[in-house]
Amino acid sequence: MLNKAPRMKQTVKSKMKSHVNVRKASEAMIELVTLLFLNDLAQEARTKACEEKSTIIRSHHIKAVAKKVLKSARG
């Protein structure tokens, strides 16, 4: 497990189509939103794994709930 959150600044800059400056506060907000999304995804995958009586979250559990979590994240 990572000790601290990965920096998302380079990922965001690579996805932007134009030159955009990402400040520290914006970078922190991007990281928080990403971590919240990953937390929701992990919780839903854990629920799916428990429904199938599995103690380990596997890739097919994540794929099964990813569409639902993405839809809820859009708003």
N, C-alpha and C. Protein backbone atom coordinates (compact mmCIF):
# COMPACT_ATOMS: atom_id res chain seq x y z
N MET A 1 0.84 -1.17 0.00
CA MET A 1 0.00 0.00 0.00
C MET A 1 0.89 1.24 0.00
N LEU A 2 0.44 2.26 -0.68
CA LEU A 2 1.20 3.50 -0.76
C LEU A 2 1.09 4.28 0.54
N ASN A 3 2.16 4.95 0.92
CA ASN A 3 2.14 5.77 2.11
C ASN A 3 1.44 7.10 1.88
N LYS A 4 1.53 7.63 0.67
CA LYS A 4 0.84 8.87 0.36
C LYS A 4 0.26 8.78 -1.05
N ALA A 5 -0.67 9.65 -1.32
CA ALA A 5 -1.39 9.63 -2.59
C ALA A 5 -0.46 10.01 -3.74
N PRO A 6 -0.61 9.37 -4.90
CA PRO A 6 0.20 9.74 -6.05
C PRO A 6 -0.21 11.11 -6.59
N ARG A 7 0.73 11.82 -7.15
CA ARG A 7 0.47 13.13 -7.72
C ARG A 7 -0.22 12.97 -9.07
N MET A 8 -1.31 13.66 -9.25
CA MET A 8 -2.10 13.53 -10.46
C MET A 8 -1.81 14.64 -11.46
N LYS A 9 -0.90 15.55 -11.13
CA LYS A 9 -0.65 16.72 -11.96
C LYS A 9 -0.20 16.33 -13.36
N GLN A 10 0.73 15.41 -13.48
CA GLN A 10 1.23 15.02 -14.79
C GLN A 10 0.16 14.30 -15.60
N THR A 11 -0.67 13.50 -14.94
CA THR A 11 -1.75 12.81 -15.64
C THR A 11 -2.76 13.80 -16.19
N VAL A 12 -3.11 14.79 -15.39
CA VAL A 12 -4.06 15.80 -15.84
C VAL A 12 -3.49 16.61 -16.98
N LYS A 13 -2.23 17.00 -16.88
CA LYS A 13 -1.60 17.78 -17.95
C LYS A 13 -1.53 16.99 -19.25
N SER A 14 -1.30 15.69 -19.17
CA SER A 14 -1.21 14.89 -20.39
C SER A 14 -2.58 14.72 -21.05
N LYS A 15 -3.66 14.80 -20.28
CA LYS A 15 -5.01 14.65 -20.83
C LYS A 15 -5.58 15.95 -21.39
N MET A 16 -5.03 17.09 -20.97
CA MET A 16 -5.52 18.38 -21.44
C MET A 16 -5.11 18.61 -22.89
N LYS A 17 -5.99 19.25 -23.63
CA LYS A 17 -5.71 19.52 -25.04
C LYS A 17 -4.95 20.82 -25.23
N SER A 18 -5.05 21.73 -24.27
CA SER A 18 -4.32 22.99 -24.36
C SER A 18 -3.44 23.12 -23.12
N HIS A 19 -2.57 24.11 -23.14
CA HIS A 19 -1.67 24.33 -22.02
C HIS A 19 -2.45 24.93 -20.85
N VAL A 20 -2.50 24.19 -19.73
CA VAL A 20 -3.25 24.64 -18.56
C VAL A 20 -2.34 24.54 -17.34
N ASN A 21 -2.31 25.60 -16.55
CA ASN A 21 -1.56 25.57 -15.30
C ASN A 21 -2.45 24.98 -14.21
N VAL A 22 -1.95 23.97 -13.53
CA VAL A 22 -2.68 23.35 -12.42
C VAL A 22 -2.01 23.79 -11.14
N ARG A 23 -2.73 24.55 -10.33
CA ARG A 23 -2.16 25.06 -9.08
C ARG A 23 -2.27 24.01 -7.99
N LYS A 24 -1.64 24.30 -6.86
CA LYS A 24 -1.58 23.35 -5.75
C LYS A 24 -2.98 23.00 -5.23
N ALA A 25 -3.84 23.99 -5.07
CA ALA A 25 -5.19 23.74 -4.55
C ALA A 25 -5.99 22.86 -5.52
N SER A 26 -5.86 23.14 -6.81
CA SER A 26 -6.56 22.35 -7.82
C SER A 26 -6.02 20.93 -7.85
N GLU A 27 -4.73 20.80 -7.72
CA GLU A 27 -4.11 19.48 -7.70
C GLU A 27 -4.61 18.67 -6.51
N ALA A 28 -4.73 19.33 -5.36
CA ALA A 28 -5.23 18.66 -4.17
C ALA A 28 -6.68 18.22 -4.36
N MET A 29 -7.50 19.06 -4.98
CA MET A 29 -8.90 18.71 -5.22
C MET A 29 -9.01 17.53 -6.19
N ILE A 30 -8.16 17.51 -7.22
CA ILE A 30 -8.16 16.41 -8.17
C ILE A 30 -7.80 15.11 -7.46
N GLU A 31 -6.80 15.16 -6.60
CA GLU A 31 -6.39 13.97 -5.86
C GLU A 31 -7.48 13.49 -4.92
N LEU A 32 -8.15 14.42 -4.25
CA LEU A 32 -9.22 14.03 -3.33
C LEU A 32 -10.40 13.39 -4.07
N VAL A 33 -10.77 13.97 -5.19
CA VAL A 33 -11.88 13.40 -5.97
C VAL A 33 -11.51 12.02 -6.49
N THR A 34 -10.28 11.85 -6.93
CA THR A 34 -9.82 10.56 -7.42
C THR A 34 -9.82 9.52 -6.31
N LEU A 35 -9.34 9.90 -5.13
CA LEU A 35 -9.33 8.97 -4.01
C LEU A 35 -10.74 8.61 -3.55
N LEU A 36 -11.65 9.57 -3.57
CA LEU A 36 -13.04 9.27 -3.22
C LEU A 36 -13.67 8.31 -4.22
N PHE A 37 -13.38 8.51 -5.50
CA PHE A 37 -13.90 7.61 -6.52
C PHE A 37 -13.35 6.19 -6.33
N LEU A 38 -12.04 6.09 -6.10
CA LEU A 38 -11.45 4.77 -5.90
C LEU A 38 -11.98 4.10 -4.64
N ASN A 39 -12.26 4.88 -3.61
CA ASN A 39 -12.84 4.34 -2.39
C ASN A 39 -14.23 3.78 -2.65
N ASP A 40 -15.06 4.52 -3.39
CA ASP A 40 -16.40 4.03 -3.74
C ASP A 40 -16.32 2.76 -4.57
N LEU A 41 -15.39 2.74 -5.52
CA LEU A 41 -15.22 1.56 -6.37
C LEU A 41 -14.81 0.35 -5.54
N ALA A 42 -13.90 0.55 -4.60
CA ALA A 42 -13.45 -0.56 -3.75
C ALA A 42 -14.56 -1.07 -2.85
N GLN A 43 -15.38 -0.16 -2.32
CA GLN A 43 -16.48 -0.59 -1.45
C GLN A 43 -17.52 -1.39 -2.23
N GLU A 44 -17.86 -0.93 -3.42
CA GLU A 44 -18.83 -1.66 -4.24
C GLU A 44 -18.27 -3.01 -4.68
N ALA A 45 -16.98 -3.05 -5.01
CA ALA A 45 -16.36 -4.33 -5.40
C ALA A 45 -16.32 -5.29 -4.22
N ARG A 46 -16.08 -4.76 -3.02
CA ARG A 46 -16.07 -5.61 -1.83
C ARG A 46 -17.46 -6.18 -1.57
N THR A 47 -18.50 -5.36 -1.76
CA THR A 47 -19.87 -5.83 -1.60
C THR A 47 -20.18 -6.93 -2.60
N LYS A 48 -19.75 -6.73 -3.84
CA LYS A 48 -19.97 -7.74 -4.89
C LYS A 48 -19.24 -9.03 -4.56
N ALA A 49 -18.02 -8.92 -4.05
CA ALA A 49 -17.26 -10.12 -3.68
C ALA A 49 -17.94 -10.85 -2.53
N CYS A 50 -18.47 -10.13 -1.57
CA CYS A 50 -19.17 -10.77 -0.44
C CYS A 50 -20.45 -11.46 -0.91
N GLU A 51 -21.13 -10.88 -1.89
CA GLU A 51 -22.32 -11.51 -2.45
C GLU A 51 -21.98 -12.86 -3.08
N GLU A 52 -20.81 -12.96 -3.67
CA GLU A 52 -20.37 -14.20 -4.30
C GLU A 52 -19.60 -15.09 -3.33
N LYS A 53 -19.61 -14.74 -2.05
CA LYS A 53 -18.95 -15.48 -0.98
C LYS A 53 -17.46 -15.66 -1.23
N SER A 54 -16.84 -14.56 -1.65
CA SER A 54 -15.41 -14.53 -1.88
C SER A 54 -14.80 -13.52 -0.92
N THR A 55 -13.65 -13.87 -0.35
CA THR A 55 -13.00 -12.94 0.58
C THR A 55 -12.01 -12.02 -0.14
N ILE A 56 -11.71 -12.32 -1.39
CA ILE A 56 -10.74 -11.54 -2.16
C ILE A 56 -11.46 -10.79 -3.28
N ILE A 57 -11.13 -9.51 -3.43
CA ILE A 57 -11.68 -8.72 -4.53
C ILE A 57 -10.85 -9.02 -5.77
N ARG A 58 -11.50 -9.55 -6.79
CA ARG A 58 -10.81 -9.89 -8.03
C ARG A 58 -11.24 -8.93 -9.13
N SER A 59 -10.57 -9.03 -10.26
CA SER A 59 -10.81 -8.09 -11.36
C SER A 59 -12.24 -8.17 -11.88
N HIS A 60 -12.83 -9.35 -11.89
CA HIS A 60 -14.20 -9.45 -12.41
C HIS A 60 -15.21 -8.79 -11.46
N HIS A 61 -14.89 -8.68 -10.18
CA HIS A 61 -15.76 -7.95 -9.26
C HIS A 61 -15.72 -6.45 -9.58
N ILE A 62 -14.53 -5.95 -9.86
CA ILE A 62 -14.38 -4.53 -10.18
C ILE A 62 -15.05 -4.21 -11.50
N LYS A 63 -14.88 -5.07 -12.49
CA LYS A 63 -15.50 -4.85 -13.80
C LYS A 63 -17.02 -4.88 -13.69
N ALA A 64 -17.54 -5.70 -12.79
CA ALA A 64 -18.99 -5.82 -12.64
C ALA A 64 -19.62 -4.55 -12.07
N VAL A 65 -18.93 -3.85 -11.21
CA VAL A 65 -19.50 -2.66 -10.57
C VAL A 65 -18.99 -1.35 -11.15
N ALA A 66 -18.01 -1.40 -12.04
CA ALA A 66 -17.40 -0.18 -12.57
C ALA A 66 -18.40 0.71 -13.31
N LYS A 67 -19.26 0.13 -14.10
CA LYS A 67 -20.23 0.91 -14.87
C LYS A 67 -21.19 1.64 -13.94
N LYS A 68 -21.64 0.98 -12.90
CA LYS A 68 -22.56 1.59 -11.94
C LYS A 68 -21.88 2.74 -11.19
N VAL A 69 -20.64 2.54 -10.77
CA VAL A 69 -19.92 3.57 -10.01
C VAL A 69 -19.60 4.76 -10.91
N LEU A 70 -19.21 4.51 -12.15
CA LEU A 70 -18.94 5.60 -13.09
C LEU A 70 -20.19 6.43 -13.35
N LYS A 71 -21.33 5.75 -13.49
CA LYS A 71 -22.57 6.46 -13.72
C LYS A 71 -22.94 7.34 -12.53
N SER A 72 -22.74 6.84 -11.33
CA SER A 72 -23.06 7.64 -10.15
C SER A 72 -22.06 8.79 -9.97
N ALA A 73 -20.83 8.61 -10.42
CA ALA A 73 -19.81 9.66 -10.28
C ALA A 73 -20.07 10.82 -11.23
N ARG A 74 -20.70 10.55 -12.35
CA ARG A 74 -21.00 11.62 -13.31
C ARG A 74 -22.05 12.58 -12.77
N GLY A 75 -22.96 12.05 -11.97
CA GLY A 75 -23.96 12.93 -11.36
C GLY A 75 -25.32 12.81 -11.90
